Structures are given as structure tokens and as C-alpha cells.
N, C-alpha and C. Protein backbone atom coordinates (compact mmCIF):
# COMPACT_ATOMS: atom_id res chain seq x y z
N UNK A 1 217.26 90.46 34.28
CA UNK A 1 216.35 91.17 35.15
C UNK A 1 217.15 92.19 35.97
N UNK A 2 216.65 93.41 36.01
CA UNK A 2 217.31 94.47 36.74
C UNK A 2 216.68 94.56 38.13
N UNK A 3 217.51 94.52 39.12
CA UNK A 3 217.03 94.61 40.49
C UNK A 3 217.08 96.07 40.92
N UNK A 4 215.95 96.55 41.44
CA UNK A 4 215.88 97.93 41.90
C UNK A 4 215.78 97.95 43.41
N UNK A 5 216.46 98.91 44.01
CA UNK A 5 216.45 99.05 45.46
C UNK A 5 215.88 100.41 45.80
N UNK A 6 214.95 100.43 46.74
CA UNK A 6 214.36 101.66 47.21
C UNK A 6 214.87 101.92 48.62
N UNK A 7 215.47 103.07 48.81
CA UNK A 7 215.99 103.42 50.13
C UNK A 7 215.25 104.66 50.61
N UNK A 8 214.70 104.57 51.80
CA UNK A 8 213.91 105.67 52.36
C UNK A 8 214.62 106.17 53.61
N UNK A 9 214.82 107.48 53.62
CA UNK A 9 215.51 108.08 54.76
C UNK A 9 214.64 109.20 55.33
N UNK A 10 214.91 109.53 56.57
CA UNK A 10 214.24 110.63 57.27
C UNK A 10 212.72 110.46 57.32
N UNK A 11 212.26 109.24 57.47
CA UNK A 11 210.83 108.97 57.60
C UNK A 11 210.66 107.91 58.68
N UNK A 12 209.70 108.17 59.56
CA UNK A 12 209.45 107.15 60.58
C UNK A 12 208.26 106.29 60.16
N UNK A 13 208.15 105.16 60.78
CA UNK A 13 207.13 104.18 60.37
C UNK A 13 205.71 104.68 60.59
N UNK A 14 205.49 105.55 61.57
CA UNK A 14 204.14 106.04 61.82
C UNK A 14 203.64 106.92 60.68
N UNK A 15 204.54 107.50 59.89
CA UNK A 15 204.14 108.29 58.73
C UNK A 15 204.10 107.43 57.46
N UNK A 16 205.02 106.53 57.36
CA UNK A 16 205.21 105.79 56.13
C UNK A 16 204.21 104.64 55.96
N UNK A 17 203.97 103.88 57.00
CA UNK A 17 203.10 102.70 56.91
C UNK A 17 201.67 103.07 56.50
N UNK A 18 201.05 104.10 57.08
CA UNK A 18 199.69 104.44 56.62
C UNK A 18 199.63 104.83 55.13
N UNK A 19 200.65 105.48 54.63
CA UNK A 19 200.67 105.83 53.21
C UNK A 19 200.74 104.58 52.34
N UNK A 20 201.56 103.64 52.73
CA UNK A 20 201.67 102.38 51.98
C UNK A 20 200.35 101.62 52.04
N UNK A 21 199.74 101.57 53.21
CA UNK A 21 198.47 100.85 53.38
C UNK A 21 197.37 101.47 52.52
N UNK A 22 197.30 102.79 52.48
CA UNK A 22 196.28 103.45 51.67
C UNK A 22 196.46 103.15 50.19
N UNK A 23 197.70 103.19 49.72
CA UNK A 23 197.97 102.88 48.32
C UNK A 23 197.67 101.41 48.00
N UNK A 24 197.98 100.53 48.92
CA UNK A 24 197.70 99.11 48.75
C UNK A 24 196.20 98.87 48.66
N UNK A 25 195.42 99.54 49.51
CA UNK A 25 193.96 99.41 49.47
C UNK A 25 193.42 99.87 48.11
N UNK A 26 193.95 100.98 47.59
CA UNK A 26 193.50 101.47 46.29
C UNK A 26 193.80 100.48 45.18
N UNK A 27 194.98 99.91 45.19
CA UNK A 27 195.36 98.94 44.17
C UNK A 27 194.48 97.69 44.26
N UNK A 28 194.23 97.20 45.46
CA UNK A 28 193.38 96.02 45.63
C UNK A 28 191.95 96.30 45.19
N UNK A 29 191.44 97.46 45.49
CA UNK A 29 190.09 97.84 45.08
C UNK A 29 189.99 97.91 43.56
N UNK A 30 190.97 98.51 42.92
CA UNK A 30 190.99 98.59 41.45
C UNK A 30 191.06 97.20 40.84
N UNK A 31 191.88 96.33 41.42
CA UNK A 31 192.03 94.97 40.91
C UNK A 31 190.73 94.18 41.06
N UNK A 32 190.04 94.37 42.17
CA UNK A 32 188.77 93.67 42.42
C UNK A 32 187.74 94.09 41.38
N UNK A 33 187.63 95.39 41.12
CA UNK A 33 186.69 95.88 40.12
C UNK A 33 187.08 95.42 38.73
N UNK A 34 188.37 95.37 38.45
CA UNK A 34 188.87 94.96 37.14
C UNK A 34 188.51 93.50 36.88
N UNK A 35 188.64 92.65 37.89
CA UNK A 35 188.33 91.23 37.72
C UNK A 35 186.85 91.00 37.44
N UNK A 36 185.97 91.78 38.05
CA UNK A 36 184.54 91.63 37.82
C UNK A 36 184.19 91.99 36.39
N UNK A 37 184.84 93.01 35.85
CA UNK A 37 184.55 93.46 34.50
C UNK A 37 185.03 92.46 33.46
N UNK A 38 186.04 91.68 33.80
CA UNK A 38 186.63 90.77 32.83
C UNK A 38 186.21 89.32 33.07
N UNK A 39 184.94 89.09 33.31
CA UNK A 39 184.45 87.73 33.48
C UNK A 39 184.59 87.01 32.15
N UNK A 40 185.22 85.86 32.19
CA UNK A 40 185.49 85.10 30.97
C UNK A 40 184.32 84.17 30.69
N UNK A 41 183.76 84.27 29.48
CA UNK A 41 182.68 83.39 29.05
C UNK A 41 183.26 82.29 28.17
N UNK A 42 182.83 81.07 28.44
CA UNK A 42 183.31 79.91 27.69
C UNK A 42 182.20 79.30 26.85
N UNK A 43 182.56 78.75 25.72
CA UNK A 43 181.61 78.02 24.88
C UNK A 43 181.33 76.67 25.53
N UNK A 44 180.36 75.95 24.97
CA UNK A 44 180.06 74.60 25.48
C UNK A 44 181.27 73.69 25.31
N UNK A 45 181.93 73.79 24.16
CA UNK A 45 183.09 72.94 23.89
C UNK A 45 184.25 73.25 24.84
N UNK A 46 184.51 74.55 25.05
CA UNK A 46 185.59 74.93 25.97
C UNK A 46 185.30 74.46 27.39
N UNK A 47 184.03 74.57 27.79
CA UNK A 47 183.65 74.15 29.14
C UNK A 47 183.79 72.64 29.30
N UNK A 48 183.31 71.89 28.31
CA UNK A 48 183.42 70.43 28.36
C UNK A 48 184.89 70.00 28.39
N UNK A 49 185.72 70.65 27.59
CA UNK A 49 187.16 70.33 27.60
C UNK A 49 187.79 70.66 28.94
N UNK A 50 187.41 71.79 29.52
CA UNK A 50 187.97 72.21 30.81
C UNK A 50 187.64 71.17 31.90
N UNK A 51 186.42 70.63 31.82
CA UNK A 51 185.98 69.66 32.83
C UNK A 51 186.30 68.21 32.44
N UNK A 52 186.81 68.03 31.23
CA UNK A 52 187.10 66.68 30.70
C UNK A 52 185.85 65.80 30.70
N UNK A 53 184.77 66.37 30.19
CA UNK A 53 183.51 65.63 30.08
C UNK A 53 182.98 65.80 28.66
N UNK A 54 181.98 65.00 28.32
CA UNK A 54 181.37 65.10 27.00
C UNK A 54 180.34 66.23 26.99
N UNK A 55 179.93 66.63 25.79
CA UNK A 55 178.89 67.65 25.68
C UNK A 55 177.57 67.16 26.24
N UNK A 56 177.31 65.87 26.14
CA UNK A 56 176.08 65.30 26.70
C UNK A 56 176.08 65.43 28.22
N UNK A 57 177.21 65.14 28.85
CA UNK A 57 177.32 65.26 30.31
C UNK A 57 177.19 66.73 30.72
N UNK A 58 177.80 67.62 29.96
CA UNK A 58 177.68 69.05 30.25
C UNK A 58 176.23 69.49 30.16
N UNK A 59 175.51 69.01 29.15
CA UNK A 59 174.09 69.33 29.02
C UNK A 59 173.32 68.84 30.24
N UNK A 60 173.63 67.62 30.71
CA UNK A 60 172.95 67.07 31.89
C UNK A 60 173.24 67.91 33.13
N UNK A 61 174.51 68.28 33.33
CA UNK A 61 174.88 69.13 34.48
C UNK A 61 174.16 70.47 34.41
N UNK A 62 174.03 71.02 33.21
CA UNK A 62 173.35 72.30 33.04
C UNK A 62 171.86 72.14 33.34
N UNK A 63 171.26 71.09 32.81
CA UNK A 63 169.83 70.82 33.02
C UNK A 63 169.53 70.58 34.50
N UNK A 64 170.43 69.89 35.20
CA UNK A 64 170.24 69.58 36.62
C UNK A 64 170.60 70.75 37.54
N UNK A 65 171.12 71.84 36.96
CA UNK A 65 171.47 73.01 37.76
C UNK A 65 172.82 72.93 38.46
N UNK A 66 173.61 71.95 38.11
CA UNK A 66 174.94 71.82 38.70
C UNK A 66 175.85 72.94 38.21
N UNK A 67 175.72 73.26 36.92
CA UNK A 67 176.52 74.32 36.31
C UNK A 67 175.56 75.31 35.64
N UNK A 68 175.58 76.57 36.07
CA UNK A 68 174.69 77.56 35.44
C UNK A 68 175.18 77.94 34.04
N UNK A 69 174.23 78.11 33.13
CA UNK A 69 174.54 78.49 31.76
C UNK A 69 173.80 79.78 31.42
N UNK A 70 174.31 80.49 30.43
CA UNK A 70 173.72 81.75 30.01
C UNK A 70 173.51 81.70 28.50
N UNK A 71 172.30 82.06 28.09
CA UNK A 71 172.01 82.08 26.66
C UNK A 71 172.22 83.50 26.16
N UNK A 72 173.04 83.63 25.14
CA UNK A 72 173.30 84.91 24.49
C UNK A 72 172.86 84.72 23.04
N UNK A 73 171.68 85.22 22.74
CA UNK A 73 171.11 84.95 21.42
C UNK A 73 170.81 83.47 21.32
N UNK A 74 171.38 82.83 20.32
CA UNK A 74 171.17 81.39 20.16
C UNK A 74 172.33 80.57 20.74
N UNK A 75 173.27 81.24 21.35
CA UNK A 75 174.46 80.56 21.86
C UNK A 75 174.38 80.38 23.39
N UNK A 76 174.99 79.32 23.87
CA UNK A 76 175.06 79.05 25.31
C UNK A 76 176.48 79.31 25.77
N UNK A 77 176.61 80.03 26.87
CA UNK A 77 177.93 80.34 27.42
C UNK A 77 177.94 80.03 28.91
N UNK A 78 179.14 79.79 29.42
CA UNK A 78 179.36 79.49 30.82
C UNK A 78 180.41 80.44 31.37
N UNK A 79 180.21 80.90 32.60
CA UNK A 79 181.20 81.77 33.24
C UNK A 79 182.30 80.90 33.83
N UNK A 80 183.53 81.23 33.52
CA UNK A 80 184.68 80.43 33.98
C UNK A 80 184.71 80.34 35.50
N UNK A 81 184.45 81.46 36.19
CA UNK A 81 184.49 81.45 37.65
C UNK A 81 183.44 80.51 38.24
N UNK A 82 182.27 80.43 37.59
CA UNK A 82 181.22 79.53 38.09
C UNK A 82 181.54 78.08 37.79
N UNK A 83 182.25 77.83 36.70
CA UNK A 83 182.69 76.47 36.38
C UNK A 83 183.67 75.99 37.44
N UNK A 84 184.62 76.86 37.79
CA UNK A 84 185.62 76.49 38.81
C UNK A 84 184.95 76.26 40.16
N UNK A 85 183.96 77.08 40.50
CA UNK A 85 183.23 76.91 41.76
C UNK A 85 182.45 75.59 41.76
N UNK A 86 181.77 75.30 40.67
CA UNK A 86 181.03 74.04 40.56
C UNK A 86 181.96 72.84 40.65
N UNK A 87 183.13 72.95 40.04
CA UNK A 87 184.11 71.88 40.09
C UNK A 87 184.57 71.63 41.51
N UNK A 88 184.82 72.70 42.26
CA UNK A 88 185.22 72.56 43.67
C UNK A 88 184.11 71.88 44.47
N UNK A 89 182.86 72.29 44.22
CA UNK A 89 181.73 71.71 44.96
C UNK A 89 181.54 70.23 44.62
N UNK A 90 181.75 69.87 43.35
CA UNK A 90 181.61 68.46 42.94
C UNK A 90 182.69 67.60 43.57
N UNK A 91 183.85 68.18 43.86
CA UNK A 91 184.97 67.41 44.38
C UNK A 91 185.06 67.41 45.89
N UNK A 92 184.11 68.01 46.58
CA UNK A 92 184.13 68.00 48.04
C UNK A 92 183.57 66.68 48.53
N UNK A 93 184.23 66.15 49.52
CA UNK A 93 183.77 64.90 50.12
C UNK A 93 182.95 65.24 51.36
N UNK A 94 181.86 64.51 51.52
CA UNK A 94 181.04 64.71 52.72
C UNK A 94 181.56 63.81 53.84
N UNK A 95 181.52 64.36 55.05
CA UNK A 95 182.00 63.58 56.21
C UNK A 95 180.94 62.66 56.72
């Protein structure tokens, strides 16, 4: 791995920091939009494996509204982000 060093001279922080912040905002905004476009869809089998449950249990969770499913033609798909959210909600303990 090559280590690169950036040395900045003749610049004060009042000029430099706003430029860095603006570029950082642009990168974060692009990344946020990029993540929305790349929503990962999982098959029933992939979803069941991810949750370590049977297809029957997955069907029950889908029917009960615990995990939202999407029909694409004759196929059923699950959004990975929604599976992770549902998993977090299932694992929360009530006080």
C-alpha cells in the first residue's frame, strides 16, 4: 500500500474548511442517491436463509405483515433493507 501525503501551504482555515465541507456534502449526497438506486431484492430462499428460518415461517411473517414482500410477475421478492429493519424490530425488547 502506498501512503500519500497532502501538504497545503499558504491557505488559512477560513478558506479551506468551507471548500472541504462543500465537497463532502456533494459526495454524501451522491452516495445517498446511489444507495437508493441500488436497492437489493432477495428471493424467498435468500431471505429465509438470511433470517435462518424456513420458507413456511417466511410465508407466515409475510402474511402477518412482519416482513413486506413485493410481487414481480409471478415471483416474490423482498428488499434487503426492509428485512434488516424487520429483523431489528423483532429483536427489540420491550421494557
